[in-house]
C-alpha atoms as a PDB file:
ATOM      1  CA  UNK A   1      29.496 -75.751  65.778  1.00  0.00           C
ATOM      2  CA  UNK A   2      30.195 -74.722  69.436  1.00  0.00           C
ATOM      3  CA  UNK A   3      32.963 -76.050  71.211  1.00  0.00           C
ATOM      4  CA  UNK A   4      32.576 -77.423  74.663  1.00  0.00           C
ATOM      5  CA  UNK A   5      35.386 -75.028  76.510  1.00  0.00           C
ATOM      6  CA  UNK A   6      35.205 -72.041  78.302  1.00  0.00           C
ATOM      7  CA  UNK A   7      37.841 -69.450  77.901  1.00  0.00           C
ATOM      8  CA  UNK A   8      39.319 -66.693  80.259  1.00  0.00           C
ATOM      9  CA  UNK A   9      36.816 -64.318  78.706  1.00  0.00           C
ATOM     10  CA  UNK A  10      34.077 -66.509  80.247  1.00  0.00           C
ATOM     11  CA  UNK A  11      32.392 -67.100  76.513  1.00  0.00           C
ATOM     12  CA  UNK A  12      31.776 -70.991  76.026  1.00  0.00           C
ATOM     13  CA  UNK A  13      33.284 -72.053  72.570  1.00  0.00           C
ATOM     14  CA  UNK A  14      37.197 -71.762  71.446  1.00  0.00           C
ATOM     15  CA  UNK A  15      39.194 -68.754  71.405  1.00  0.00           C
ATOM     16  CA  UNK A  16      39.566 -68.996  67.720  1.00  0.00           C
ATOM     17  CA  UNK A  17      35.839 -68.873  67.460  1.00  0.00           C
ATOM     18  CA  UNK A  18      35.409 -65.962  69.903  1.00  0.00           C
ATOM     19  CA  UNK A  19      38.247 -64.008  68.040  1.00  0.00           C
ATOM     20  CA  UNK A  20      36.238 -64.826  64.507  1.00  0.00           C
ATOM     21  CA  UNK A  21      33.241 -63.367  65.852  1.00  0.00           C
ATOM     22  CA  UNK A  22      35.086 -60.067  67.013  1.00  0.00           C
ATOM     23  CA  UNK A  23      36.139 -59.423  63.535  1.00  0.00           C
ATOM     24  CA  UNK A  24      33.306 -60.828  61.308  1.00  0.00           C
ATOM     25  CA  UNK A  25      32.142 -58.153  59.178  1.00  0.00           C
ATOM     26  CA  UNK A  26      28.526 -59.377  59.695  1.00  0.00           C
ATOM     27  CA  UNK A  27      26.965 -61.078  62.731  1.00  0.00           C
ATOM     28  CA  UNK A  28      23.852 -62.308  63.660  1.00  0.00           C
ATOM     29  CA  UNK A  29      23.413 -63.261  67.658  1.00  0.00           C
ATOM     30  CA  UNK A  30      20.524 -65.042  68.929  1.00  0.00           C
ATOM     31  CA  UNK A  31      19.054 -63.922  72.022  1.00  0.00           C
ATOM     32  CA  UNK A  32      17.126 -65.863  74.196  1.00  0.00           C
ATOM     33  CA  UNK A  33      16.130 -65.411  77.931  1.00  0.00           C
ATOM     34  CA  UNK A  34      14.375 -66.601  81.211  1.00  0.00           C
ATOM     35  CA  UNK A  35      13.226 -70.097  80.070  1.00  0.00           C
ATOM     36  CA  UNK A  36      12.981 -70.795  83.614  1.00  0.00           C
ATOM     37  CA  UNK A  37      12.827 -74.962  82.993  1.00  0.00           C
ATOM     38  CA  UNK A  38      11.174 -74.747  79.383  1.00  0.00           C
ATOM     39  CA  UNK A  39      13.903 -76.893  78.143  1.00  0.00           C
ATOM     40  CA  UNK A  40      11.716 -77.784  75.079  1.00  0.00           C
ATOM     41  CA  UNK A  41      11.272 -74.136  73.957  1.00  0.00           C
ATOM     42  CA  UNK A  42      14.644 -73.112  74.357  1.00  0.00           C
ATOM     43  CA  UNK A  43      15.582 -76.258  72.073  1.00  0.00           C
ATOM     44  CA  UNK A  44      13.100 -75.161  69.713  1.00  0.00           C
ATOM     45  CA  UNK A  45      14.491 -72.216  69.108  1.00  0.00           C
ATOM     46  CA  UNK A  46      18.059 -73.130  68.668  1.00  0.00           C
ATOM     47  CA  UNK A  47      17.610 -76.056  66.304  1.00  0.00           C
ATOM     48  CA  UNK A  48      15.609 -73.656  63.985  1.00  0.00           C
ATOM     49  CA  UNK A  49      17.467 -70.647  64.385  1.00  0.00           C
ATOM     50  CA  UNK A  50      20.634 -71.691  65.500  1.00  0.00           C
ATOM     51  CA  UNK A  51      22.240 -72.758  62.144  1.00  0.00           C
ATOM     52  CA  UNK A  52      21.557 -69.552  60.765  1.00  0.00           C
ATOM     53  CA  UNK A  53      23.555 -67.376  63.251  1.00  0.00           C
ATOM     54  CA  UNK A  54      27.118 -66.659  64.883  1.00  0.00           C
ATOM     55  CA  UNK A  55      26.266 -66.447  68.362  1.00  0.00           C
ATOM     56  CA  UNK A  56      23.918 -67.660  71.222  1.00  0.00           C
ATOM     57  CA  UNK A  57      23.377 -65.258  73.981  1.00  0.00           C
ATOM     58  CA  UNK A  58      21.356 -66.386  77.386  1.00  0.00           C
ATOM     59  CA  UNK A  59      20.603 -63.526  79.385  1.00  0.00           C
ATOM     60  CA  UNK A  60      19.802 -65.904  82.461  1.00  0.00           C
ATOM     61  CA  UNK A  61      17.345 -67.652  84.158  1.00  0.00           C
ATOM     62  CA  UNK A  62      17.840 -71.225  83.343  1.00  0.00           C
ATOM     63  CA  UNK A  63      21.488 -72.130  83.259  1.00  0.00           C
ATOM     64  CA  UNK A  64      20.278 -75.581  83.564  1.00  0.00           C
ATOM     65  CA  UNK A  65      18.228 -75.721  80.492  1.00  0.00           C
ATOM     66  CA  UNK A  66      21.593 -73.927  78.638  1.00  0.00           C
ATOM     67  CA  UNK A  67      23.117 -77.703  80.524  1.00  0.00           C
ATOM     68  CA  UNK A  68      20.831 -79.911  79.426  1.00  0.00           C
ATOM     69  CA  UNK A  69      21.092 -78.271  75.640  1.00  0.00           C
ATOM     70  CA  UNK A  70      24.659 -78.794  75.900  1.00  0.00           C
ATOM     71  CA  UNK A  71      24.655 -82.585  76.953  1.00  0.00           C
ATOM     72  CA  UNK A  72      22.165 -83.193  74.578  1.00  0.00           C
ATOM     73  CA  UNK A  73      24.110 -81.485  72.019  1.00  0.00           C
ATOM     74  CA  UNK A  74      27.685 -83.732  72.918  1.00  0.00           C
ATOM     75  CA  UNK A  75      25.334 -86.918  71.982  1.00  0.00           C
ATOM     76  CA  UNK A  76      23.627 -85.466  69.067  1.00  0.00           C
ATOM     77  CA  UNK A  77      25.555 -84.503  66.272  1.00  0.00           C
ATOM     78  CA  UNK A  78      22.533 -82.660  64.543  1.00  0.00           C
ATOM     79  CA  UNK A  79      22.097 -80.341  67.535  1.00  0.00           C
ATOM     80  CA  UNK A  80      26.024 -79.598  68.129  1.00  0.00           C
ATOM     81  CA  UNK A  81      25.730 -78.475  64.386  1.00  0.00           C
ATOM     82  CA  UNK A  82      22.817 -76.058  64.994  1.00  0.00           C
ATOM     83  CA  UNK A  83      24.595 -74.413  67.797  1.00  0.00           C
ATOM     84  CA  UNK A  84      26.427 -71.284  66.917  1.00  0.00           C
ATOM     85  CA  UNK A  85      30.176 -71.506  67.594  1.00  0.00           C
ATOM     86  CA  UNK A  86      29.824 -68.797  70.746  1.00  0.00           C
ATOM     87  CA  UNK A  87      27.883 -68.865  73.602  1.00  0.00           C
ATOM     88  CA  UNK A  88      27.432 -65.800  76.032  1.00  0.00           C
ATOM     89  CA  UNK A  89      25.657 -66.529  79.069  1.00  0.00           C
ATOM     90  CA  UNK A  90      25.143 -64.254  82.369  1.00  0.00           C
ATOM     91  CA  UNK A  91      23.429 -65.513  85.851  1.00  0.00           C
ATOM     92  CA  UNK A  92      19.948 -64.786  86.543  1.00  0.00           C
ATOM     93  CA  UNK A  93      18.361 -64.176  89.979  1.00  0.00           C
ATOM     94  CA  UNK A  94      17.379 -67.741  89.867  1.00  0.00           C
ATOM     95  CA  UNK A  95      20.740 -69.469  88.580  1.00  0.00           C
ATOM     96  CA  UNK A  96      23.956 -70.598  90.404  1.00  0.00           C
ATOM     97  CA  UNK A  97      27.350 -69.692  89.987  1.00  0.00           C
ATOM     98  CA  UNK A  98      29.084 -72.595  88.573  1.00  0.00           C
ATOM     99  CA  UNK A  99      27.419 -75.425  86.741  1.00  0.00           C
ATOM    100  CA  UNK A 100      29.118 -78.743  85.960  1.00  0.00           C
ATOM    101  CA  UNK A 101      27.890 -79.634  81.632  1.00  0.00           C
ATOM    102  CA  UNK A 102      29.915 -82.939  80.125  1.00  0.00           C
ATOM    103  CA  UNK A 103      32.333 -83.361  83.325  1.00  0.00           C
ATOM    104  CA  UNK A 104      32.925 -79.447  82.499  1.00  0.00           C
ATOM    105  CA  UNK A 105      32.900 -76.710  85.142  1.00  0.00           C
ATOM    106  CA  UNK A 106      31.252 -73.482  83.621  1.00  0.00           C
ATOM    107  CA  UNK A 107      31.634 -70.147  85.707  1.00  0.00           C
ATOM    108  CA  UNK A 108      28.580 -67.979  84.928  1.00  0.00           C
ATOM    109  CA  UNK A 109      29.068 -64.464  85.349  1.00  0.00           C
ATOM    110  CA  UNK A 110      26.722 -61.602  86.845  1.00  0.00           C
ATOM    111  CA  UNK A 111      27.683 -59.410  83.722  1.00  0.00           C
ATOM    112  CA  UNK A 112      29.523 -59.926  80.645  1.00  0.00           C
ATOM    113  CA  UNK A 113      31.482 -57.917  78.120  1.00  0.00           C
ATOM    114  CA  UNK A 114      32.309 -59.341  74.483  1.00  0.00           C
ATOM    115  CA  UNK A 115      32.531 -58.396  70.775  1.00  0.00           C
ATOM    116  CA  UNK A 116      31.015 -59.212  67.795  1.00  0.00           C
ATOM    117  CA  UNK A 117      31.336 -57.393  64.374  1.00  0.00           C
ATOM    118  CA  UNK A 118      33.614 -55.147  65.880  1.00  0.00           C
ATOM    119  CA  UNK A 119      30.818 -53.586  67.948  1.00  0.00           C
ATOM    120  CA  UNK A 120      31.011 -54.181  71.999  1.00  0.00           C
ATOM    121  CA  UNK A 121      28.364 -55.878  73.681  1.00  0.00           C
ATOM    122  CA  UNK A 122      27.291 -55.789  77.162  1.00  0.00           C
ATOM    123  CA  UNK A 123      24.965 -58.309  78.952  1.00  0.00           C
ATOM    124  CA  UNK A 124      23.498 -58.929  82.110  1.00  0.00           C
ATOM    125  CA  UNK A 125      20.525 -60.344  83.391  1.00  0.00           C
ATOM    126  CA  UNK A 126      19.295 -56.815  84.869  1.00  0.00           C
ATOM    127  CA  UNK A 127      17.957 -57.639  88.573  1.00  0.00           C
ATOM    128  CA  UNK A 128      20.761 -55.525  89.588  1.00  0.00           C
ATOM    129  CA  UNK A 129      20.400 -52.580  87.466  1.00  0.00           C
ATOM    130  CA  UNK A 130      17.137 -51.251  89.000  1.00  0.00           C
ATOM    131  CA  UNK A 131      14.798 -51.803  85.644  1.00  0.00           C
ATOM    132  CA  UNK A 132      11.497 -51.331  86.880  1.00  0.00           C
ATOM    133  CA  UNK A 133      12.728 -47.316  87.259  1.00  0.00           C
ATOM    134  CA  UNK A 134      13.371 -47.090  83.696  1.00  0.00           C
ATOM    135  CA  UNK A 135      17.049 -47.466  81.986  1.00  0.00           C
ATOM    136  CA  UNK A 136      19.381 -45.330  83.091  1.00  0.00           C
ATOM    137  CA  UNK A 137      21.577 -47.899  85.259  1.00  0.00           C
ATOM    138  CA  UNK A 138      22.033 -50.043  82.265  1.00  0.00           C
ATOM    139  CA  UNK A 139      23.188 -46.946  80.099  1.00  0.00           C
ATOM    140  CA  UNK A 140      25.963 -45.761  82.617  1.00  0.00           C
ATOM    141  CA  UNK A 141      26.918 -49.603  83.274  1.00  0.00           C
ATOM    142  CA  UNK A 142      27.231 -49.906  79.484  1.00  0.00           C
ATOM    143  CA  UNK A 143      29.017 -46.578  78.785  1.00  0.00           C
ATOM    144  CA  UNK A 144      31.703 -47.726  81.623  1.00  0.00           C
ATOM    145  CA  UNK A 145      32.086 -50.758  79.845  1.00  0.00           C
ATOM    146  CA  UNK A 146      32.343 -48.773  76.284  1.00  0.00           C
ATOM    147  CA  UNK A 147      30.114 -50.820  74.840  1.00  0.00           C
ATOM    148  CA  UNK A 148      26.967 -49.658  72.337  1.00  0.00           C
ATOM    149  CA  UNK A 149      25.331 -52.946  72.930  1.00  0.00           C
ATOM    150  CA  UNK A 150      23.098 -54.242  75.919  1.00  0.00           C
ATOM    151  CA  UNK A 151      21.139 -57.289  76.376  1.00  0.00           C
ATOM    152  CA  UNK A 152      19.420 -57.923  79.302  1.00  0.00           C
ATOM    153  CA  UNK A 153      16.470 -60.150  80.684  1.00  0.00           C
ATOM    154  CA  UNK A 154      14.560 -60.278  83.973  1.00  0.00           C
ATOM    155  CA  UNK A 155      11.473 -58.465  82.985  1.00  0.00           C
ATOM    156  CA  UNK A 156      10.269 -61.034  80.533  1.00  0.00           C
ATOM    157  CA  UNK A 157       8.951 -58.240  78.354  1.00  0.00           C
ATOM    158  CA  UNK A 158      10.428 -58.140  74.654  1.00  0.00           C
ATOM    159  CA  UNK A 159      11.496 -54.797  74.067  1.00  0.00           C
ATOM    160  CA  UNK A 160      14.237 -51.953  72.724  1.00  0.00           C
ATOM    161  CA  UNK A 161      14.458 -50.245  75.978  1.00  0.00           C
ATOM    162  CA  UNK A 162      16.197 -47.399  74.656  1.00  0.00           C
ATOM    163  CA  UNK A 163      17.958 -46.510  71.204  1.00  0.00           C
ATOM    164  CA  UNK A 164      20.308 -43.167  70.989  1.00  0.00           C
ATOM    165  CA  UNK A 165      22.467 -43.129  67.564  1.00  0.00           C
ATOM    166  CA  UNK A 166      24.000 -45.639  67.483  1.00  0.00           C
ATOM    167  CA  UNK A 167      23.977 -47.437  70.868  1.00  0.00           C
ATOM    168  CA  UNK A 168      20.860 -49.937  71.923  1.00  0.00           C
ATOM    169  CA  UNK A 169      19.577 -51.993  75.218  1.00  0.00           C
ATOM    170  CA  UNK A 170      17.656 -54.854  74.093  1.00  0.00           C
ATOM    171  CA  UNK A 171      15.644 -57.593  75.993  1.00  0.00           C
ATOM    172  CA  UNK A 172      14.303 -60.566  73.755  1.00  0.00           C
ATOM    173  CA  UNK A 173      11.457 -61.233  76.108  1.00  0.00           C
ATOM    174  CA  UNK A 174      10.939 -64.905  77.990  1.00  0.00           C
ATOM    175  CA  UNK A 175      11.020 -67.842  75.398  1.00  0.00           C
ATOM    176  CA  UNK A 176       8.916 -69.939  78.060  1.00  0.00           C
ATOM    177  CA  UNK A 177       7.157 -67.186  80.867  1.00  0.00           C
ATOM    178  CA  UNK A 178       6.242 -63.816  79.202  1.00  0.00           C
ATOM    179  CA  UNK A 179       4.749 -61.109  80.752  1.00  0.00           C
ATOM    180  CA  UNK A 180       2.126 -58.219  79.571  1.00  0.00           C
ATOM    181  CA  UNK A 181       0.172 -60.342  76.928  1.00  0.00           C
ATOM    182  CA  UNK A 182       3.061 -61.257  74.788  1.00  0.00           C
ATOM    183  CA  UNK A 183       3.729 -64.376  73.587  1.00  0.00           C
ATOM    184  CA  UNK A 184       7.143 -66.679  74.485  1.00  0.00           C
ATOM    185  CA  UNK A 185       9.545 -64.995  72.443  1.00  0.00           C
ATOM    186  CA  UNK A 186      13.404 -64.173  71.427  1.00  0.00           C
ATOM    187  CA  UNK A 187      15.488 -61.971  69.258  1.00  0.00           C
ATOM    188  CA  UNK A 188      17.791 -62.169  66.366  1.00  0.00           C
ATOM    189  CA  UNK A 189      20.440 -59.304  66.124  1.00  0.00           C
ATOM    190  CA  UNK A 190      22.003 -58.149  63.188  1.00  0.00           C
ATOM    191  CA  UNK A 191      25.494 -56.060  63.419  1.00  0.00           C
ATOM    192  CA  UNK A 192      27.509 -54.980  60.680  1.00  0.00           C
ATOM    193  CA  UNK A 193      31.289 -53.972  61.199  1.00  0.00           C
ATOM    194  CA  UNK A 194      30.972 -50.819  58.877  1.00  0.00           C
ATOM    195  CA  UNK A 195      27.381 -50.002  60.199  1.00  0.00           C
ATOM    196  CA  UNK A 196      27.072 -48.185  63.780  1.00  0.00           C
ATOM    197  CA  UNK A 197      23.472 -48.797  64.207  1.00  0.00           C
ATOM    198  CA  UNK A 198      22.089 -52.164  64.725  1.00  0.00           C
ATOM    199  CA  UNK A 199      19.088 -54.141  63.398  1.00  0.00           C
ATOM    200  CA  UNK A 200      16.650 -56.911  65.357  1.00  0.00           C
ATOM    201  CA  UNK A 201      13.662 -59.011  64.834  1.00  0.00           C
ATOM    202  CA  UNK A 202      11.323 -60.574  67.272  1.00  0.00           C
ATOM    203  CA  UNK A 203       9.961 -63.692  67.147  1.00  0.00           C
ATOM    204  CA  UNK A 204       7.333 -65.237  68.731  1.00  0.00           C
ATOM    205  CA  UNK A 205       7.888 -69.213  69.594  1.00  0.00           C
ATOM    206  CA  UNK A 206       5.863 -71.432  67.642  1.00  0.00           C
ATOM    207  CA  UNK A 207       5.582 -75.231  66.936  1.00  0.00           C
ATOM    208  CA  UNK A 208       7.497 -74.354  63.535  1.00  0.00           C
ATOM    209  CA  UNK A 209      10.132 -72.305  65.551  1.00  0.00           C
ATOM    210  CA  UNK A 210       9.104 -68.759  65.043  1.00  0.00           C
ATOM    211  CA  UNK A 211       7.031 -66.012  63.407  1.00  0.00           C
ATOM    212  CA  UNK A 212       8.039 -62.160  62.964  1.00  0.00           C
ATOM    213  CA  UNK A 213       7.199 -60.578  65.830  1.00  0.00           C
ATOM    214  CA  UNK A 214       7.340 -56.849  66.110  1.00  0.00           C
ATOM    215  CA  UNK A 215       4.253 -55.579  68.217  1.00  0.00           C
ATOM    216  CA  UNK A 216       6.703 -54.560  71.265  1.00  0.00           C
ATOM    217  CA  UNK A 217       9.761 -53.551  69.197  1.00  0.00           C
ATOM    218  CA  UNK A 218       9.622 -49.780  70.414  1.00  0.00           C
ATOM    219  CA  UNK A 219       8.159 -50.324  74.352  1.00  0.00           C
ATOM    220  CA  UNK A 220       9.625 -48.677  76.746  1.00  0.00           C
ATOM    221  CA  UNK A 221      10.476 -50.444  80.223  1.00  0.00           C
END
C-alpha cells in the first residue's frame, strides 16, 4: 500500500518503502506512460496489476491522471491497497512541475534516479533527449547516472530501444494514445538482485486488464 508522502529523493511513498524496494531480492515494476487524460485506462491497469507489483513507474504526460488516482485512492481502501508502495513519476512535456494531491504539494522532476532490487534506474519522459535520432543521448545520460536500466515515454511506441549486456532502455508505450499501429499498452519489468539482466513483458490494455503483447519487444527507435 502506498503512503501519500514524497521523500527528498522525489519518490512518492515512505522512506522505509523506498529503502525496502532498493534492497529486495526480486522486484516487479509496473511501467506506464502517456495517459493524456485517459484516467480510466490508468485506473484499470493499476487495479489489475498494481497488487502484484513492488513499484509503479509513470514516465510522464498524464500527471493529472496520477493525481486523480491518488485522490480516489485516499477515499477508496481497495484502490489504496492496489497501489504499489513506491511511485516514481517524471514530468512530461504536457505536465507542470508541481501538483497538489490531497493537499500535498508534489514536485515532479524532469529526470529521476532510484533503485530497485539493487538495480539503478534512470527515468525521464524523453523529449529532452532527441529520441527521434536514436537512443544514444539516453545511453549517455544513463551512463553518467551509473544506471543500468532506463525508462522513458513521449514517443507513444512500446519498444526496447536498446539492450547491451545488463543494460536496458525501455518505453512502455501509451496506455491511452498509442502510435505506430500499436494497441494501448504498458509493461511489467522483473528485476532480480542476483541477475544483471532484467526481463519484461508488454501488455495490451483490455477490459480484462491486459493481455501479453510481445510484437514490439525488439523494435528500435
